[in-house]
Amino acid sequence: MKVDLTKNLWIDFSCNEGGTLIDLILKMYPELSVKDVVLKFNQGVFSFHQQTIDQRQLPAKAAIKIIQEEPITNHLNLCSYISEVRGIDSVISGKYLKAYQYKAGGKLYWNLGAKNHAGGYNLFSRDFKCATKQGYTLYENTKSSTRIYFEGIVDFLSFLMIYPDQESVHEYCILNTVYNLKKTFENLRMKDTTICFLDNDTAGDKATEALRNKANEAGSIFYDYRKTYPFYKDLNDYLIGEVSIINCR
């Protein structure tokens, strides 16, 4: 995504959409009116600075080259982030996440990540998220007649924290971005049962509806489990919020 503050424009290359900054804010905060957006924008409420890695700026056109991977337990700062900030047990996260060293802009970095079906890597940390090549991540289970869809891998790990006895029961598909849903339709045959735990936002609504329609076409029983966390943005927010409530009791 590119934001040009001087021209008051933005463009998202992943979905070929763009417009003015007001359009962008309305997409991010659909509950606001144009009047609200203009007022908050003039007050400096919204910020469009580039995300950083450990407070260091990554050049916008920097090519990312994976150097090596290690267990996340070799990197205490990454383990601390996923456990203390995201609420994911290191035993669970260690099964599905790796620590990747990569080179970008002439510098070396370490981040959490996982490989996707296209041979790319989805990398993330506290203030950073990117993919070397876009694709979904599939944890296949040929014995299961159910596939569960998540938008991000942290939501998948949150599911395993909430339902630990379900880990080996289903097949799991992490979209990494809802725009990869179309790729799953092209490459994966629908299971008998389709379940989704997508985000509670406009993009999540559209993706859920598209998944529902595809499931209906294939004769797959469909369940939208966002109803279990209606007041949270996603499953990880729900996990963190519920743990906080329990700890306060």
Protein backbone atom coordinates (compact mmCIF):
# COMPACT_ATOMS: atom_id res chain seq x y z
CA MET A 1 0.00 0.00 0.00
CA LYS A 2 1.19 3.53 -0.78
CA VAL A 3 -0.07 6.74 0.83
CA ASP A 4 0.82 10.12 -0.73
CA LEU A 5 0.11 12.86 1.81
CA THR A 6 1.13 15.63 -0.59
CA LYS A 7 -1.48 14.56 -3.16
CA ASN A 8 -4.04 13.37 -0.57
CA LEU A 9 -4.21 9.96 -2.30
CA TRP A 10 -3.70 6.27 -1.50
CA ILE A 11 -3.54 3.02 -3.46
CA ASP A 12 -3.62 -0.62 -2.32
CA PHE A 13 -1.80 -2.66 -4.97
CA SER A 14 -3.00 -5.99 -3.54
CA CYS A 15 -6.62 -5.29 -4.47
CA ASN A 16 -6.15 -2.48 -7.02
CA GLU A 17 -8.18 0.04 -5.00
CA GLY A 18 -7.44 3.65 -4.19
CA GLY A 19 -8.85 7.12 -3.64
CA THR A 20 -8.53 10.07 -1.31
CA LEU A 21 -7.41 9.81 2.31
CA ILE A 22 -11.01 10.39 3.39
CA ASP A 23 -12.02 7.31 1.35
CA LEU A 24 -9.28 5.33 3.10
CA ILE A 25 -10.39 6.41 6.58
CA LEU A 26 -14.02 5.55 5.76
CA LYS A 27 -12.87 2.03 4.80
CA MET A 28 -10.91 1.72 8.04
CA TYR A 29 -13.67 3.22 10.21
CA PRO A 30 -17.03 2.57 8.44
CA GLU A 31 -18.94 3.77 11.49
CA LEU A 32 -17.77 7.37 10.88
CA SER A 33 -19.45 9.92 8.63
CA VAL A 34 -17.55 12.15 6.21
CA LYS A 35 -18.09 15.05 8.62
CA ASP A 36 -16.57 13.01 11.48
CA VAL A 37 -13.59 12.06 9.34
CA VAL A 38 -12.85 15.64 8.30
CA LEU A 39 -13.10 16.83 11.91
CA LYS A 40 -10.80 14.10 13.26
CA PHE A 41 -8.36 14.46 10.36
CA ASN A 42 -8.02 18.21 11.04
CA GLN A 43 -7.40 17.40 14.71
CA GLY A 44 -4.51 15.12 13.74
CA VAL A 45 -6.22 11.98 15.05
CA PHE A 46 -5.19 9.81 12.09
CA SER A 47 -1.58 8.95 11.28
CA PHE A 48 -0.24 7.47 8.03
CA HIS A 49 3.41 6.94 8.89
CA GLN A 50 5.13 3.82 7.57
CA GLN A 51 5.33 0.89 9.98
CA THR A 52 8.77 0.22 11.41
CA ILE A 53 10.83 -2.79 12.45
CA ASP A 54 12.30 -2.30 15.90
CA GLN A 55 12.04 1.46 15.33
CA ARG A 56 14.15 1.22 12.14
CA GLN A 57 12.68 2.33 8.83
CA LEU A 58 12.58 -0.28 6.08
CA PRO A 59 13.10 1.26 2.61
CA ALA A 60 9.83 1.22 0.67
CA LYS A 61 11.23 -0.71 -2.31
CA ALA A 62 13.60 -2.95 -0.37
CA ALA A 63 13.69 -6.54 -1.62
CA ILE A 64 13.44 -9.09 1.18
CA LYS A 65 15.71 -12.13 1.07
CA ILE A 66 15.28 -14.93 3.61
CA ILE A 67 18.65 -15.93 5.10
CA GLN A 68 17.81 -18.60 7.66
CA GLU A 69 15.16 -19.87 10.07
CA GLU A 70 15.38 -20.87 13.73
CA PRO A 71 12.99 -21.96 16.50
CA ILE A 72 11.30 -18.94 18.06
CA THR A 73 12.63 -20.04 21.45
CA ASN A 74 16.07 -18.87 20.28
CA HIS A 75 14.76 -15.29 20.31
CA LEU A 76 13.43 -14.12 23.65
CA ASN A 77 12.15 -10.78 22.34
CA LEU A 78 9.98 -12.51 19.71
CA CYS A 79 8.73 -15.06 22.26
CA SER A 80 7.93 -12.24 24.65
CA TYR A 81 5.88 -10.44 22.01
CA ILE A 82 3.80 -13.45 20.98
CA SER A 83 3.17 -14.55 24.59
CA GLU A 84 2.86 -11.29 26.53
CA VAL A 85 1.26 -9.08 23.87
CA ARG A 86 -0.69 -11.66 21.86
CA GLY A 87 -1.45 -14.07 24.69
CA ILE A 88 -0.21 -17.17 22.84
CA ASP A 89 1.61 -19.90 24.76
CA SER A 90 5.16 -20.42 23.45
CA VAL A 91 4.61 -24.18 23.20
CA ILE A 92 1.72 -23.68 20.77
CA SER A 93 3.31 -20.83 18.81
CA GLY A 94 6.57 -22.75 18.55
CA LYS A 95 4.81 -25.50 16.59
CA TYR A 96 3.62 -23.19 13.83
CA LEU A 97 5.90 -20.15 13.85
CA LYS A 98 9.58 -19.81 13.04
CA ALA A 99 12.03 -16.99 13.60
CA TYR A 100 13.27 -15.85 10.20
CA GLN A 101 16.38 -13.83 9.54
CA TYR A 102 16.12 -11.82 6.35
CA LYS A 103 17.98 -9.10 4.54
CA ALA A 104 16.26 -5.90 3.42
CA GLY A 105 17.76 -2.59 2.43
CA GLY A 106 21.25 -3.88 3.16
CA LYS A 107 20.38 -4.72 6.79
CA LEU A 108 19.58 -7.95 8.63
CA TYR A 109 16.41 -8.43 10.67
CA TRP A 110 14.66 -11.17 12.65
CA ASN A 111 10.90 -11.59 12.67
CA LEU A 112 8.24 -14.19 13.32
CA GLY A 113 6.70 -15.88 10.34
CA ALA A 114 5.37 -18.88 8.48
CA LYS A 115 5.63 -20.17 4.93
CA ASN A 116 2.64 -19.99 2.57
CA HIS A 117 1.44 -22.17 -0.31
CA ALA A 118 3.08 -19.96 -2.95
CA GLY A 119 6.54 -20.45 -1.46
CA GLY A 120 6.52 -17.01 0.13
CA TYR A 121 6.94 -16.06 3.77
CA ASN A 122 4.50 -14.07 5.88
CA LEU A 123 6.56 -12.11 8.40
CA PHE A 124 5.35 -10.06 11.36
CA SER A 125 6.31 -8.53 14.70
CA ARG A 126 4.97 -5.82 16.98
CA ASP A 127 5.05 -3.00 14.41
CA PHE A 128 5.59 -4.82 11.15
CA LYS A 129 3.80 -7.13 8.73
CA CYS A 130 4.69 -8.16 5.19
CA ALA A 131 4.85 -11.08 2.76
CA THR A 132 7.73 -11.94 0.44
CA LYS A 133 5.08 -13.43 -1.85
CA GLN A 134 1.35 -13.50 -1.25
CA GLY A 135 -0.34 -16.81 -0.49
CA TYR A 136 -2.47 -18.68 2.01
CA THR A 137 -1.10 -21.18 4.55
CA LEU A 138 -2.74 -24.61 4.75
CA TYR A 139 -2.35 -27.07 7.60
CA GLU A 140 -3.74 -30.10 5.82
CA ASN A 141 -5.65 -32.91 7.49
CA THR A 142 -6.85 -35.47 4.95
CA LYS A 143 -8.76 -37.36 7.66
CA SER A 144 -10.89 -34.34 8.52
CA SER A 145 -14.12 -33.38 6.73
CA THR A 146 -13.95 -29.84 8.17
CA ARG A 147 -11.80 -26.88 7.16
CA ILE A 148 -11.60 -23.78 9.35
CA TYR A 149 -10.58 -20.43 7.84
CA PHE A 150 -8.73 -17.64 9.65
CA GLU A 151 -7.53 -14.29 8.36
CA GLY A 152 -4.18 -14.37 10.19
CA ILE A 153 -2.02 -16.99 11.84
CA VAL A 154 -2.33 -15.28 15.24
CA ASP A 155 -6.08 -15.88 15.07
CA PHE A 156 -5.40 -19.55 14.33
CA LEU A 157 -3.06 -19.77 17.33
CA SER A 158 -5.71 -18.01 19.44
CA PHE A 159 -8.19 -20.71 18.39
CA LEU A 160 -5.78 -23.37 19.64
CA MET A 161 -5.45 -21.52 22.94
CA ILE A 162 -9.24 -21.43 23.36
CA TYR A 163 -9.91 -24.93 21.99
CA PRO A 164 -6.72 -26.94 22.63
CA ASP A 165 -8.50 -30.27 22.15
CA GLN A 166 -9.36 -29.34 18.53
CA GLU A 167 -5.80 -29.03 17.22
CA SER A 168 -5.71 -32.35 15.34
CA VAL A 169 -9.43 -32.56 14.60
CA HIS A 170 -9.78 -30.16 11.64
CA GLU A 171 -7.93 -28.83 8.61
CA TYR A 172 -6.89 -25.19 8.91
CA CYS A 173 -6.48 -22.49 6.27
CA ILE A 174 -4.89 -19.14 7.15
CA LEU A 175 -5.63 -16.59 4.43
CA ASN A 176 -2.91 -14.13 5.57
CA THR A 177 -5.08 -11.54 3.83
CA VAL A 178 -8.72 -11.87 2.76
CA TYR A 179 -7.63 -11.14 -0.82
CA ASN A 180 -6.11 -14.65 -0.89
CA LEU A 181 -9.56 -16.20 -0.50
CA LYS A 182 -9.94 -16.35 -4.27
CA LYS A 183 -6.74 -18.40 -4.49
CA THR A 184 -8.20 -20.98 -2.10
CA PHE A 185 -11.26 -21.28 -4.36
CA GLU A 186 -8.95 -21.93 -7.32
CA ASN A 187 -6.72 -24.48 -5.57
CA LEU A 188 -8.70 -26.20 -2.80
CA ARG A 189 -11.74 -28.41 -2.97
CA MET A 190 -14.33 -27.51 -0.36
CA LYS A 191 -14.68 -29.86 2.62
CA ASP A 192 -18.03 -31.21 3.82
CA THR A 193 -18.09 -28.55 6.54
CA THR A 194 -16.71 -24.99 6.30
CA ILE A 195 -16.13 -22.84 9.38
CA CYS A 196 -14.71 -19.32 9.48
CA PHE A 197 -13.33 -17.07 12.22
CA LEU A 198 -12.68 -13.92 10.18
CA ASP A 199 -12.46 -10.29 11.32
CA ASN A 200 -15.45 -8.20 12.37
CA ASP A 201 -14.96 -5.49 9.76
CA THR A 202 -16.10 -4.68 6.22
CA ALA A 203 -13.42 -6.85 4.59
CA GLY A 204 -14.29 -9.70 6.93
CA ASP A 205 -17.99 -9.33 6.10
CA LYS A 206 -17.32 -9.56 2.37
CA ALA A 207 -14.95 -12.50 2.70
CA THR A 208 -17.37 -14.36 4.96
CA GLU A 209 -20.20 -13.86 2.48
CA ALA A 210 -18.00 -15.03 -0.42
CA LEU A 211 -16.98 -18.11 1.56
CA ARG A 212 -20.61 -18.79 2.47
CA ASN A 213 -21.66 -18.62 -1.19
CA LYS A 214 -18.83 -20.91 -2.28
CA ALA A 215 -19.69 -23.42 0.45
CA ASN A 216 -23.36 -23.39 -0.56
CA GLU A 217 -22.42 -23.99 -4.19
CA ALA A 218 -20.30 -26.99 -3.18
CA GLY A 219 -22.90 -28.40 -0.80
CA SER A 220 -20.68 -27.71 2.21
CA ILE A 221 -22.29 -26.94 5.57
CA PHE A 222 -21.23 -23.42 6.55
CA TYR A 223 -20.76 -21.83 9.99
CA ASP A 224 -19.78 -18.22 10.71
CA TYR A 225 -18.27 -18.27 14.20
CA ARG A 226 -17.76 -14.51 14.45
CA LYS A 227 -20.93 -14.57 16.53
CA THR A 228 -18.80 -15.92 19.39
CA TYR A 229 -16.85 -12.62 19.56
CA PRO A 230 -19.28 -9.90 18.32
CA PHE A 231 -17.68 -7.13 20.39
CA TYR A 232 -14.09 -7.83 19.33
CA LYS A 233 -12.27 -7.15 16.05
CA ASP A 234 -10.89 -10.66 15.75
CA LEU A 235 -10.30 -13.89 17.64
CA ASN A 236 -7.01 -12.71 19.12
CA ASP A 237 -8.66 -9.58 20.52
CA TYR A 238 -11.30 -11.88 22.02
CA LEU A 239 -8.63 -14.10 23.58
CA ILE A 240 -6.80 -11.15 25.11
CA GLY A 241 -10.02 -9.49 26.25
CA GLU A 242 -11.41 -12.59 27.91
CA VAL A 243 -8.13 -13.32 29.70
CA SER A 244 -8.07 -9.73 30.97
CA ILE A 245 -11.63 -10.05 32.27
CA ILE A 246 -10.82 -13.31 34.07
CA ASN A 247 -7.68 -11.81 35.64
CA CYS A 248 -9.67 -8.86 36.94
CA ARG A 249 -12.19 -11.05 38.73
